[in-house]
């Protein structure tokens, strides 16, 4: 029997291994996996280079700088925001406001959800698709210590620097949800399932989601 949910949204905190879990869910359910392709599709829609939208979509490490640039600098003063036609030409296009780019991301997510079975990782898809009955929304989290140790190993950071990175990216995530989705305080009730990966490897985490979403044997 086909699973009752056609869309699985996997939101995740830095260091919680959410992306690995989301990929595992897509593989187990035979669903398409969507993450960076959202950015590429959005870029195609407005004829921008994907890196421009990618920069706007990133968490706090770039969010503050980009916001300041958009408020007070011209395109020519922003080396990371150079824009080229998809055809490869050297023309520059006017940089859309961050709100417009995020609205574009939301449109891409909604269009993707109208297709076949799909797993969407990050980009606050759980909030964008909250009104859909065929969307199963998951939050993947872990303790501060576990997340710190993971990113310290992955990014080759000392523990103190890793904690700072986590604080910055968690703050950016909260800011993103509040500013663009009206979520002042993220709650477990925003999701159908919350998974703690302190002791749960990605393969098992994916299996839990598949079973909860009705895709298990």
N, C-alpha and C. Protein backbone atom coordinates (compact mmCIF):
# COMPACT_ATOMS: atom_id res chain seq x y z
N UNK A 1 0.84 -1.19 0.00
CA UNK A 1 0.00 0.00 0.00
C UNK A 1 0.88 1.25 0.00
N UNK A 2 0.52 2.23 -0.80
CA UNK A 2 1.29 3.46 -0.89
C UNK A 2 1.19 4.24 0.42
N UNK A 3 2.26 4.91 0.82
CA UNK A 3 2.22 5.71 2.05
C UNK A 3 1.21 6.83 1.91
N UNK A 4 0.57 7.24 3.02
CA UNK A 4 -0.45 8.28 2.96
C UNK A 4 0.12 9.68 2.73
N UNK A 5 1.40 9.86 2.98
CA UNK A 5 2.01 11.18 2.81
C UNK A 5 2.86 11.21 1.54
N UNK A 6 2.64 12.22 0.72
CA UNK A 6 3.43 12.38 -0.50
C UNK A 6 4.62 13.31 -0.30
N UNK A 7 4.58 14.09 0.78
CA UNK A 7 5.64 15.06 1.04
C UNK A 7 6.17 14.87 2.46
N UNK A 8 7.47 14.68 2.59
CA UNK A 8 8.11 14.58 3.90
C UNK A 8 9.03 15.79 4.04
N UNK A 9 8.74 16.63 5.02
CA UNK A 9 9.55 17.82 5.28
C UNK A 9 10.47 17.54 6.47
N UNK A 10 11.76 17.68 6.27
CA UNK A 10 12.71 17.41 7.35
C UNK A 10 13.45 18.70 7.70
N UNK A 11 13.01 19.34 8.78
CA UNK A 11 13.72 20.50 9.31
C UNK A 11 14.78 19.98 10.28
N UNK A 12 15.87 20.70 10.40
CA UNK A 12 16.93 20.18 11.28
C UNK A 12 17.83 21.28 11.79
N UNK A 13 18.39 21.04 12.96
CA UNK A 13 19.36 21.96 13.54
C UNK A 13 20.75 21.57 13.08
N UNK A 14 21.65 22.54 13.08
CA UNK A 14 23.04 22.27 12.74
C UNK A 14 23.61 21.19 13.66
N UNK A 15 24.26 20.21 13.07
CA UNK A 15 24.88 19.15 13.85
C UNK A 15 23.96 18.03 14.26
N UNK A 16 22.71 18.06 13.80
CA UNK A 16 21.75 17.01 14.17
C UNK A 16 21.69 15.88 13.15
N UNK A 17 22.45 16.01 12.06
CA UNK A 17 22.51 15.00 10.99
C UNK A 17 21.18 14.89 10.23
N UNK A 18 20.46 15.99 10.16
CA UNK A 18 19.17 15.98 9.49
C UNK A 18 19.24 15.71 8.00
N UNK A 19 20.26 16.22 7.33
CA UNK A 19 20.37 16.01 5.89
C UNK A 19 20.60 14.54 5.57
N UNK A 20 21.47 13.89 6.34
CA UNK A 20 21.72 12.47 6.11
C UNK A 20 20.46 11.66 6.34
N UNK A 21 19.71 12.03 7.36
CA UNK A 21 18.45 11.34 7.64
C UNK A 21 17.45 11.56 6.52
N UNK A 22 17.34 12.79 6.04
CA UNK A 22 16.40 13.10 4.96
C UNK A 22 16.73 12.31 3.71
N UNK A 23 18.00 12.19 3.39
CA UNK A 23 18.40 11.41 2.22
C UNK A 23 18.04 9.93 2.40
N UNK A 24 18.21 9.46 3.63
CA UNK A 24 17.84 8.07 3.91
C UNK A 24 16.35 7.83 3.76
N UNK A 25 15.55 8.79 4.19
CA UNK A 25 14.10 8.69 4.05
C UNK A 25 13.72 8.61 2.57
N UNK A 26 14.32 9.48 1.77
CA UNK A 26 14.03 9.50 0.34
C UNK A 26 14.39 8.16 -0.30
N UNK A 27 15.52 7.61 0.09
CA UNK A 27 15.95 6.33 -0.47
C UNK A 27 15.00 5.21 -0.06
N UNK A 28 14.64 5.16 1.21
CA UNK A 28 13.77 4.08 1.69
C UNK A 28 12.37 4.16 1.11
N UNK A 29 11.87 5.37 0.88
CA UNK A 29 10.51 5.52 0.38
C UNK A 29 10.44 5.62 -1.14
N UNK A 30 11.60 5.69 -1.77
CA UNK A 30 11.62 5.84 -3.22
C UNK A 30 11.14 7.21 -3.66
N UNK A 31 11.35 8.21 -2.80
CA UNK A 31 10.93 9.58 -3.09
C UNK A 31 12.11 10.38 -3.63
N UNK A 32 11.79 11.44 -4.31
CA UNK A 32 12.80 12.39 -4.77
C UNK A 32 13.30 13.19 -3.57
N UNK A 33 14.60 13.50 -3.57
CA UNK A 33 15.19 14.30 -2.50
C UNK A 33 15.45 15.70 -3.03
N UNK A 34 15.05 16.71 -2.27
CA UNK A 34 15.20 18.09 -2.72
C UNK A 34 15.83 18.94 -1.63
N UNK A 35 16.91 19.60 -1.99
CA UNK A 35 17.56 20.54 -1.07
C UNK A 35 18.17 21.67 -1.89
N UNK A 36 19.40 21.48 -2.35
CA UNK A 36 20.05 22.53 -3.13
C UNK A 36 19.34 22.79 -4.45
N UNK A 37 18.61 21.80 -4.96
CA UNK A 37 17.90 21.99 -6.22
C UNK A 37 16.85 23.10 -6.11
N UNK A 38 16.36 23.33 -4.89
CA UNK A 38 15.42 24.43 -4.67
C UNK A 38 16.06 25.74 -5.09
N UNK A 39 17.30 25.93 -4.68
CA UNK A 39 18.02 27.15 -5.01
C UNK A 39 18.24 27.27 -6.51
N UNK A 40 18.63 26.16 -7.15
CA UNK A 40 18.89 26.17 -8.58
C UNK A 40 17.62 26.51 -9.36
N UNK A 41 16.50 25.91 -8.95
CA UNK A 41 15.24 26.18 -9.64
C UNK A 41 14.81 27.63 -9.47
N UNK A 42 14.93 28.14 -8.25
CA UNK A 42 14.57 29.54 -8.00
C UNK A 42 15.44 30.47 -8.83
N UNK A 43 16.72 30.14 -8.95
CA UNK A 43 17.63 30.97 -9.74
C UNK A 43 17.22 30.99 -11.21
N UNK A 44 16.80 29.84 -11.71
CA UNK A 44 16.37 29.76 -13.10
C UNK A 44 15.14 30.62 -13.34
N UNK A 45 14.23 30.65 -12.38
CA UNK A 45 12.99 31.41 -12.53
C UNK A 45 13.24 32.90 -12.73
N UNK A 46 14.25 33.42 -12.06
CA UNK A 46 14.52 34.86 -12.16
C UNK A 46 15.84 35.16 -12.85
N UNK A 47 16.42 34.14 -13.49
CA UNK A 47 17.63 34.33 -14.29
C UNK A 47 18.79 34.90 -13.47
N UNK A 48 18.98 34.32 -12.28
CA UNK A 48 20.10 34.69 -11.43
C UNK A 48 21.06 33.53 -11.32
N UNK A 49 22.28 33.82 -10.91
CA UNK A 49 23.23 32.74 -10.62
C UNK A 49 22.82 32.09 -9.30
N UNK A 50 22.82 30.75 -9.20
CA UNK A 50 22.39 30.07 -7.97
C UNK A 50 23.11 30.55 -6.71
N UNK A 51 24.36 30.99 -6.85
CA UNK A 51 25.11 31.41 -5.66
C UNK A 51 24.47 32.62 -4.99
N UNK A 52 23.78 33.45 -5.78
CA UNK A 52 23.14 34.64 -5.21
C UNK A 52 22.04 34.23 -4.24
N UNK A 53 21.16 33.34 -4.71
CA UNK A 53 20.06 32.88 -3.85
C UNK A 53 20.61 32.02 -2.73
N UNK A 54 21.64 31.23 -3.03
CA UNK A 54 22.24 30.40 -2.01
C UNK A 54 22.77 31.22 -0.86
N UNK A 55 23.38 32.36 -1.18
CA UNK A 55 23.90 33.23 -0.14
C UNK A 55 22.76 33.71 0.77
N UNK A 56 21.65 34.10 0.17
CA UNK A 56 20.53 34.62 0.95
C UNK A 56 19.91 33.53 1.80
N UNK A 57 19.98 32.28 1.34
CA UNK A 57 19.35 31.19 2.07
C UNK A 57 20.20 30.69 3.24
N UNK A 58 21.48 31.01 3.26
CA UNK A 58 22.32 30.47 4.32
C UNK A 58 21.98 31.07 5.67
N UNK A 59 22.45 30.39 6.73
CA UNK A 59 22.12 30.82 8.08
C UNK A 59 22.95 32.02 8.52
N UNK A 60 23.05 32.25 9.80
CA UNK A 60 23.54 33.50 10.37
C UNK A 60 24.94 33.90 9.93
N UNK A 61 25.79 32.96 9.59
CA UNK A 61 27.15 33.31 9.23
C UNK A 61 27.19 34.29 8.06
N UNK A 62 26.19 34.24 7.20
CA UNK A 62 26.12 35.17 6.08
C UNK A 62 24.93 36.11 6.15
N UNK A 63 23.93 35.76 6.96
CA UNK A 63 22.67 36.51 6.97
C UNK A 63 22.87 37.99 7.32
N UNK A 64 23.63 38.25 8.36
CA UNK A 64 23.81 39.63 8.79
C UNK A 64 24.50 40.45 7.71
N UNK A 65 25.57 39.90 7.16
CA UNK A 65 26.31 40.62 6.12
C UNK A 65 25.45 40.90 4.90
N UNK A 66 24.67 39.91 4.50
CA UNK A 66 23.81 40.07 3.32
C UNK A 66 22.73 41.11 3.58
N UNK A 67 22.12 41.05 4.77
CA UNK A 67 21.09 42.02 5.10
C UNK A 67 21.62 43.43 5.07
N UNK A 68 22.81 43.63 5.62
CA UNK A 68 23.41 44.95 5.62
C UNK A 68 23.72 45.40 4.20
N UNK A 69 24.19 44.46 3.39
CA UNK A 69 24.53 44.79 2.01
C UNK A 69 23.29 45.22 1.24
N UNK A 70 22.20 44.48 1.44
CA UNK A 70 20.97 44.79 0.72
C UNK A 70 20.39 46.13 1.14
N UNK A 71 20.61 46.49 2.40
CA UNK A 71 20.05 47.76 2.89
C UNK A 71 20.90 48.96 2.49
N UNK A 72 22.23 48.74 2.38
CA UNK A 72 23.06 49.92 2.23
C UNK A 72 24.09 49.95 1.14
N UNK A 73 24.17 48.89 0.31
CA UNK A 73 25.20 48.88 -0.71
C UNK A 73 24.60 48.61 -2.07
N UNK A 74 25.30 49.08 -3.08
CA UNK A 74 24.87 48.79 -4.45
C UNK A 74 25.39 47.42 -4.85
N UNK A 75 24.85 46.88 -5.94
CA UNK A 75 25.27 45.56 -6.40
C UNK A 75 26.76 45.54 -6.69
N UNK A 76 27.28 46.61 -7.27
CA UNK A 76 28.69 46.65 -7.64
C UNK A 76 29.60 46.63 -6.43
N UNK A 77 29.08 46.98 -5.25
CA UNK A 77 29.87 46.98 -4.03
C UNK A 77 29.82 45.66 -3.30
N UNK A 78 29.05 44.69 -3.84
CA UNK A 78 28.89 43.40 -3.19
C UNK A 78 29.55 42.32 -4.04
N UNK A 79 30.80 41.97 -3.79
CA UNK A 79 31.49 41.00 -4.62
C UNK A 79 30.82 39.64 -4.64
N UNK A 80 30.16 39.25 -3.56
CA UNK A 80 29.52 37.94 -3.52
C UNK A 80 28.15 37.94 -4.16
N UNK A 81 27.67 39.09 -4.60
CA UNK A 81 26.34 39.17 -5.17
C UNK A 81 26.37 39.51 -6.65
N UNK A 82 27.50 39.26 -7.32
CA UNK A 82 27.56 39.49 -8.75
C UNK A 82 26.61 38.54 -9.43
N UNK A 83 25.86 39.06 -10.39
CA UNK A 83 24.80 38.29 -11.01
C UNK A 83 25.05 38.17 -12.50
N UNK A 84 24.92 36.97 -13.03
CA UNK A 84 25.09 36.75 -14.44
C UNK A 84 23.89 36.02 -14.99
N UNK A 85 23.65 36.20 -16.30
CA UNK A 85 22.59 35.44 -16.95
C UNK A 85 22.95 33.97 -16.93
N UNK A 86 21.97 33.12 -16.94
CA UNK A 86 22.21 31.68 -16.97
C UNK A 86 22.94 31.29 -18.25
N UNK A 87 22.83 32.11 -19.29
CA UNK A 87 23.49 31.81 -20.56
C UNK A 87 24.99 32.01 -20.47
N UNK A 88 25.46 32.64 -19.37
CA UNK A 88 26.89 32.83 -19.19
C UNK A 88 27.36 34.22 -19.53
N UNK A 89 26.45 35.12 -19.89
CA UNK A 89 26.83 36.48 -20.23
C UNK A 89 27.33 37.24 -19.02
N UNK A 90 27.92 38.40 -19.27
CA UNK A 90 28.51 39.17 -18.17
C UNK A 90 27.57 40.23 -17.64
N UNK A 91 26.34 40.29 -18.15
CA UNK A 91 25.39 41.30 -17.70
C UNK A 91 25.08 41.13 -16.23
N UNK A 92 24.85 42.26 -15.54
CA UNK A 92 24.44 42.22 -14.13
C UNK A 92 22.95 42.49 -14.06
N UNK A 93 22.27 41.79 -13.19
CA UNK A 93 20.85 42.02 -12.96
C UNK A 93 20.68 42.67 -11.60
N UNK A 94 19.62 43.41 -11.44
CA UNK A 94 19.36 44.02 -10.14
C UNK A 94 19.11 42.94 -9.10
N UNK A 95 19.74 43.07 -7.94
CA UNK A 95 19.60 42.08 -6.88
C UNK A 95 18.25 42.23 -6.21
N UNK A 96 17.39 41.20 -6.24
CA UNK A 96 16.09 41.30 -5.57
C UNK A 96 16.27 41.42 -4.06
N UNK A 97 15.28 41.99 -3.40
CA UNK A 97 15.31 42.07 -1.94
C UNK A 97 15.26 40.68 -1.36
N UNK A 98 15.80 40.51 -0.14
CA UNK A 98 15.82 39.18 0.45
C UNK A 98 14.41 38.63 0.64
N UNK A 99 13.45 39.51 0.94
CA UNK A 99 12.07 39.04 1.10
C UNK A 99 11.54 38.44 -0.20
N UNK A 100 11.90 39.07 -1.34
CA UNK A 100 11.46 38.56 -2.63
C UNK A 100 12.09 37.20 -2.94
N UNK A 101 13.36 37.06 -2.59
CA UNK A 101 14.03 35.79 -2.84
C UNK A 101 13.44 34.68 -1.99
N UNK A 102 13.11 34.99 -0.77
CA UNK A 102 12.53 33.97 0.10
C UNK A 102 11.12 33.61 -0.34
N UNK A 103 10.38 34.61 -0.85
CA UNK A 103 9.06 34.31 -1.40
C UNK A 103 9.20 33.38 -2.59
N UNK A 104 10.26 33.60 -3.35
CA UNK A 104 10.53 32.74 -4.51
C UNK A 104 10.83 31.32 -4.06
N UNK A 105 11.62 31.19 -3.00
CA UNK A 105 11.92 29.87 -2.45
C UNK A 105 10.63 29.18 -2.02
N UNK A 106 9.74 29.91 -1.37
CA UNK A 106 8.47 29.33 -0.94
C UNK A 106 7.66 28.82 -2.13
N UNK A 107 7.67 29.60 -3.22
CA UNK A 107 6.93 29.18 -4.42
C UNK A 107 7.51 27.90 -5.01
N UNK A 108 8.84 27.81 -5.01
CA UNK A 108 9.49 26.60 -5.54
C UNK A 108 9.12 25.39 -4.69
N UNK A 109 9.12 25.57 -3.37
CA UNK A 109 8.76 24.47 -2.47
C UNK A 109 7.33 24.01 -2.73
N UNK A 110 6.41 24.95 -2.85
CA UNK A 110 5.01 24.58 -3.08
C UNK A 110 4.84 23.87 -4.42
N UNK A 111 5.54 24.32 -5.43
CA UNK A 111 5.43 23.67 -6.74
C UNK A 111 6.00 22.25 -6.67
N UNK A 112 7.13 22.10 -5.99
CA UNK A 112 7.75 20.78 -5.87
C UNK A 112 6.83 19.82 -5.13
N UNK A 113 6.12 20.33 -4.13
CA UNK A 113 5.22 19.48 -3.33
C UNK A 113 4.01 19.01 -4.12
N UNK A 114 3.73 19.66 -5.24
CA UNK A 114 2.59 19.26 -6.06
C UNK A 114 2.91 18.10 -6.99
N UNK A 115 4.18 17.69 -7.02
CA UNK A 115 4.58 16.60 -7.90
C UNK A 115 4.45 15.24 -7.23
N UNK A 116 5.34 14.33 -7.63
CA UNK A 116 5.35 12.99 -7.05
C UNK A 116 5.91 13.04 -5.63
N UNK A 117 6.06 11.85 -5.01
CA UNK A 117 6.58 11.79 -3.65
C UNK A 117 7.92 12.49 -3.52
N UNK A 118 8.08 13.27 -2.47
CA UNK A 118 9.29 14.07 -2.34
C UNK A 118 9.66 14.26 -0.87
N UNK A 119 10.96 14.30 -0.60
CA UNK A 119 11.50 14.64 0.71
C UNK A 119 12.20 15.98 0.56
N UNK A 120 11.78 16.96 1.35
CA UNK A 120 12.38 18.29 1.27
C UNK A 120 13.13 18.57 2.56
N UNK A 121 14.42 18.81 2.44
CA UNK A 121 15.25 19.07 3.61
C UNK A 121 15.47 20.57 3.77
N UNK A 122 15.23 21.06 4.98
CA UNK A 122 15.50 22.45 5.36
C UNK A 122 14.63 23.44 4.61
N UNK A 123 15.12 24.69 4.49
CA UNK A 123 14.39 25.79 3.85
C UNK A 123 13.02 26.02 4.49
N UNK A 124 12.85 25.60 5.75
CA UNK A 124 11.59 25.81 6.48
C UNK A 124 10.38 25.29 5.72
N UNK A 125 10.58 24.21 4.99
CA UNK A 125 9.47 23.62 4.22
C UNK A 125 8.32 23.21 5.13
N UNK A 126 8.62 22.82 6.36
CA UNK A 126 7.57 22.43 7.29
C UNK A 126 6.60 23.57 7.55
N UNK A 127 7.11 24.79 7.57
CA UNK A 127 6.25 25.96 7.79
C UNK A 127 5.52 26.34 6.50
N UNK A 128 6.22 26.26 5.39
CA UNK A 128 5.62 26.61 4.10
C UNK A 128 4.45 25.70 3.78
N UNK A 129 4.57 24.42 4.11
CA UNK A 129 3.56 23.43 3.75
C UNK A 129 2.69 23.01 4.93
N UNK A 130 2.61 23.86 5.95
CA UNK A 130 1.85 23.51 7.16
C UNK A 130 0.37 23.29 6.88
N UNK A 131 -0.13 23.86 5.80
CA UNK A 131 -1.56 23.75 5.51
C UNK A 131 -1.91 22.54 4.64
N UNK A 132 -0.92 21.72 4.34
CA UNK A 132 -1.16 20.57 3.47
C UNK A 132 -1.37 19.30 4.29
N UNK A 133 -2.44 18.60 4.01
CA UNK A 133 -2.72 17.37 4.73
C UNK A 133 -1.85 16.20 4.31
N UNK A 134 -1.20 16.30 3.15
CA UNK A 134 -0.37 15.20 2.67
C UNK A 134 1.11 15.43 2.96
N UNK A 135 1.41 16.42 3.82
CA UNK A 135 2.79 16.70 4.19
C UNK A 135 3.05 16.24 5.62
N UNK A 136 4.10 15.43 5.81
CA UNK A 136 4.51 14.94 7.12
C UNK A 136 5.73 15.74 7.54
N UNK A 137 5.62 16.45 8.65
CA UNK A 137 6.65 17.40 9.04
C UNK A 137 7.47 16.88 10.22
N UNK A 138 8.78 16.89 10.02
CA UNK A 138 9.70 16.32 11.00
C UNK A 138 10.74 17.35 11.42
N UNK A 139 11.08 17.35 12.70
CA UNK A 139 12.20 18.14 13.20
C UNK A 139 13.26 17.18 13.73
N UNK A 140 14.48 17.33 13.23
CA UNK A 140 15.60 16.51 13.69
C UNK A 140 16.49 17.39 14.56
N UNK A 141 16.68 16.98 15.80
CA UNK A 141 17.46 17.79 16.73
C UNK A 141 18.42 16.90 17.51
N UNK A 142 19.18 17.49 18.40
CA UNK A 142 20.11 16.76 19.27
C UNK A 142 20.55 17.73 20.35
N UNK A 143 21.17 17.21 21.39
CA UNK A 143 21.62 18.08 22.48
C UNK A 143 22.74 19.01 22.01
N UNK A 144 22.92 20.08 22.75
CA UNK A 144 23.97 21.05 22.42
C UNK A 144 25.34 20.38 22.39
N UNK A 145 25.60 19.52 23.35
CA UNK A 145 26.90 18.86 23.42
C UNK A 145 27.14 17.97 22.22
N UNK A 146 26.14 17.19 21.86
CA UNK A 146 26.27 16.29 20.71
C UNK A 146 26.49 17.08 19.43
N UNK A 147 25.72 18.12 19.25
CA UNK A 147 25.85 18.92 18.04
C UNK A 147 27.19 19.63 17.98
N UNK A 148 27.64 20.12 19.13
CA UNK A 148 28.95 20.78 19.18
C UNK A 148 30.05 19.81 18.78
N UNK A 149 30.03 18.62 19.36
CA UNK A 149 31.07 17.65 19.07
C UNK A 149 31.06 17.23 17.60
N UNK A 150 29.87 17.11 17.03
CA UNK A 150 29.78 16.70 15.63
C UNK A 150 30.37 17.75 14.70
N UNK A 151 29.97 19.01 14.89
CA UNK A 151 30.49 20.01 13.95
C UNK A 151 31.95 20.33 14.22
N UNK A 152 32.39 20.13 15.46
CA UNK A 152 33.82 20.31 15.75
C UNK A 152 34.63 19.32 14.93
N UNK A 153 34.13 18.07 14.86
CA UNK A 153 34.82 17.06 14.08
C UNK A 153 34.70 17.29 12.58
N UNK A 154 33.50 17.62 12.13
CA UNK A 154 33.26 17.80 10.70
C UNK A 154 33.99 19.02 10.14
N UNK A 155 34.01 20.10 10.91
CA UNK A 155 34.60 21.35 10.41
C UNK A 155 35.98 21.63 10.97
N UNK A 156 36.49 20.68 11.75
CA UNK A 156 37.82 20.81 12.35
C UNK A 156 37.93 22.09 13.19
N UNK A 157 37.01 22.22 14.14
CA UNK A 157 36.97 23.37 15.03
C UNK A 157 37.28 22.94 16.46
N UNK A 158 37.83 23.85 17.25
CA UNK A 158 37.98 23.54 18.67
C UNK A 158 36.61 23.70 19.32
N UNK A 159 36.39 23.08 20.49
CA UNK A 159 35.07 23.10 21.13
C UNK A 159 34.49 24.49 21.33
N UNK A 160 35.33 25.44 21.74
CA UNK A 160 34.83 26.80 21.98
C UNK A 160 34.32 27.43 20.69
N UNK A 161 35.08 27.28 19.62
CA UNK A 161 34.66 27.83 18.33
C UNK A 161 33.40 27.12 17.83
N UNK A 162 33.33 25.82 18.04
CA UNK A 162 32.16 25.05 17.61
C UNK A 162 30.90 25.54 18.33
N UNK A 163 31.02 25.83 19.62
CA UNK A 163 29.87 26.34 20.37
C UNK A 163 29.43 27.70 19.84
N UNK A 164 30.38 28.52 19.47
CA UNK A 164 30.05 29.83 18.92
C UNK A 164 29.32 29.70 17.59
N UNK A 165 29.79 28.79 16.76
CA UNK A 165 29.15 28.55 15.47
C UNK A 165 27.72 28.07 15.66
N UNK A 166 27.53 27.15 16.61
CA UNK A 166 26.17 26.66 16.89
C UNK A 166 25.26 27.79 17.33
N UNK A 167 25.76 28.64 18.22
CA UNK A 167 24.95 29.75 18.72
C UNK A 167 24.55 30.68 17.58
N UNK A 168 25.49 30.96 16.70
CA UNK A 168 25.21 31.85 15.57
C UNK A 168 24.17 31.24 14.63
N UNK A 169 24.34 29.96 14.32
CA UNK A 169 23.44 29.33 13.36
C UNK A 169 22.06 29.04 13.97
N UNK A 170 22.02 28.74 15.26
CA UNK A 170 20.72 28.57 15.93
C UNK A 170 19.97 29.91 15.98
N UNK A 171 20.72 30.98 16.25
CA UNK A 171 20.10 32.30 16.30
C UNK A 171 19.57 32.70 14.92
N UNK A 172 20.33 32.39 13.89
CA UNK A 172 19.89 32.70 12.53
C UNK A 172 18.64 31.92 12.16
N UNK A 173 18.60 30.68 12.60
CA UNK A 173 17.43 29.83 12.31
C UNK A 173 16.18 30.42 12.97
N UNK A 174 16.32 30.82 14.22
CA UNK A 174 15.19 31.41 14.94
C UNK A 174 14.76 32.73 14.29
N UNK A 175 15.74 33.51 13.87
CA UNK A 175 15.44 34.78 13.20
C UNK A 175 14.71 34.53 11.89
N UNK A 176 15.16 33.55 11.14
CA UNK A 176 14.54 33.19 9.86
C UNK A 176 13.07 32.80 10.07
N UNK A 177 12.82 31.93 11.03
CA UNK A 177 11.45 31.47 11.28
C UNK A 177 10.54 32.61 11.72
N UNK A 178 11.08 33.50 12.54
CA UNK A 178 10.26 34.62 13.02
C UNK A 178 9.99 35.64 11.93
N UNK A 179 11.02 35.98 11.19
CA UNK A 179 10.88 37.05 10.20
C UNK A 179 10.06 36.63 9.00
N UNK A 180 10.28 35.41 8.52
CA UNK A 180 9.65 35.01 7.27
C UNK A 180 8.47 34.06 7.42
N UNK A 181 8.27 33.53 8.62
CA UNK A 181 7.15 32.61 8.81
C UNK A 181 6.30 32.96 10.03
N UNK A 182 6.64 34.05 10.72
CA UNK A 182 5.84 34.49 11.85
C UNK A 182 5.89 33.57 13.05
N UNK A 183 6.93 32.75 13.15
CA UNK A 183 7.08 31.82 14.27
C UNK A 183 8.00 32.44 15.31
N UNK A 184 7.42 33.03 16.35
CA UNK A 184 8.22 33.68 17.39
C UNK A 184 8.94 32.66 18.26
N UNK A 185 8.32 31.51 18.47
CA UNK A 185 8.91 30.45 19.28
C UNK A 185 8.60 29.10 18.62
N UNK A 186 9.64 28.44 18.16
CA UNK A 186 9.46 27.13 17.53
C UNK A 186 9.08 26.10 18.59
N UNK A 187 8.03 25.34 18.32
CA UNK A 187 7.51 24.37 19.28
C UNK A 187 7.47 22.97 18.66
N UNK A 188 7.50 21.93 19.51
CA UNK A 188 7.34 20.57 18.99
C UNK A 188 6.03 20.39 18.23
N UNK A 189 5.01 21.15 18.62
CA UNK A 189 3.70 21.03 17.97
C UNK A 189 3.67 21.61 16.56
N UNK A 190 4.75 22.24 16.13
CA UNK A 190 4.84 22.66 14.74
C UNK A 190 5.12 21.47 13.83
N UNK A 191 5.41 20.32 14.44
CA UNK A 191 5.83 19.14 13.68
C UNK A 191 4.98 17.93 14.04
N UNK A 192 4.97 16.97 13.13
CA UNK A 192 4.27 15.71 13.39
C UNK A 192 5.16 14.74 14.15
N UNK A 193 6.46 14.94 14.04
CA UNK A 193 7.43 14.05 14.69
C UNK A 193 8.70 14.83 14.99
N UNK A 194 9.23 14.64 16.20
CA UNK A 194 10.50 15.24 16.59
C UNK A 194 11.46 14.11 16.95
N UNK A 195 12.65 14.12 16.37
CA UNK A 195 13.63 13.06 16.60
C UNK A 195 14.89 13.64 17.23
N UNK A 196 15.35 13.01 18.31
CA UNK A 196 16.60 13.37 18.97
C UNK A 196 17.65 12.36 18.51
N UNK A 197 18.71 12.85 17.88
CA UNK A 197 19.72 11.95 17.31
C UNK A 197 20.95 11.77 18.19
N UNK A 198 20.84 12.09 19.47
CA UNK A 198 21.97 11.88 20.37
C UNK A 198 22.48 10.44 20.29
N UNK A 199 21.56 9.49 20.31
CA UNK A 199 21.92 8.07 20.30
C UNK A 199 21.35 7.36 19.08
N UNK A 200 20.88 8.13 18.11
CA UNK A 200 20.20 7.54 16.96
C UNK A 200 20.98 7.83 15.69
N UNK A 201 21.58 6.81 15.06
CA UNK A 201 22.32 7.04 13.82
C UNK A 201 21.37 7.39 12.68
N UNK A 202 21.87 8.02 11.62
CA UNK A 202 21.01 8.44 10.51
C UNK A 202 20.14 7.34 9.92
N UNK A 203 20.69 6.13 9.78
CA UNK A 203 19.91 5.05 9.17
C UNK A 203 18.67 4.73 10.00
N UNK A 204 18.86 4.66 11.31
CA UNK A 204 17.72 4.36 12.19
C UNK A 204 16.76 5.53 12.26
N UNK A 205 17.30 6.74 12.24
CA UNK A 205 16.44 7.92 12.25
C UNK A 205 15.55 7.95 11.02
N UNK A 206 16.12 7.60 9.88
CA UNK A 206 15.34 7.55 8.64
C UNK A 206 14.26 6.49 8.73
N UNK A 207 14.60 5.35 9.32
CA UNK A 207 13.62 4.27 9.45
C UNK A 207 12.45 4.69 10.34
N UNK A 208 12.74 5.41 11.41
CA UNK A 208 11.68 5.88 12.31
C UNK A 208 10.72 6.80 11.55
N UNK A 209 11.26 7.70 10.75
CA UNK A 209 10.41 8.62 10.00
C UNK A 209 9.56 7.88 8.98
N UNK A 210 10.19 6.95 8.27
CA UNK A 210 9.46 6.18 7.26
C UNK A 210 8.30 5.42 7.90
N UNK A 211 8.57 4.79 9.04
CA UNK A 211 7.52 4.03 9.73
C UNK A 211 6.40 4.96 10.20
N UNK A 212 6.78 6.11 10.76
CA UNK A 212 5.77 7.04 11.27
C UNK A 212 4.93 7.65 10.15
N UNK A 213 5.54 7.80 8.98
CA UNK A 213 4.84 8.39 7.84
C UNK A 213 4.03 7.36 7.06
N UNK A 214 4.04 6.12 7.53
CA UNK A 214 3.24 5.10 6.87
C UNK A 214 3.92 4.43 5.70
N UNK A 215 5.23 4.61 5.59
CA UNK A 215 5.93 4.02 4.46
C UNK A 215 6.67 2.74 4.79
N UNK A 216 6.56 2.27 6.04
CA UNK A 216 7.25 1.05 6.43
C UNK A 216 6.51 -0.19 6.02
N UNK A 217 7.16 -1.33 6.23
CA UNK A 217 6.52 -2.60 5.89
C UNK A 217 5.46 -2.96 6.92
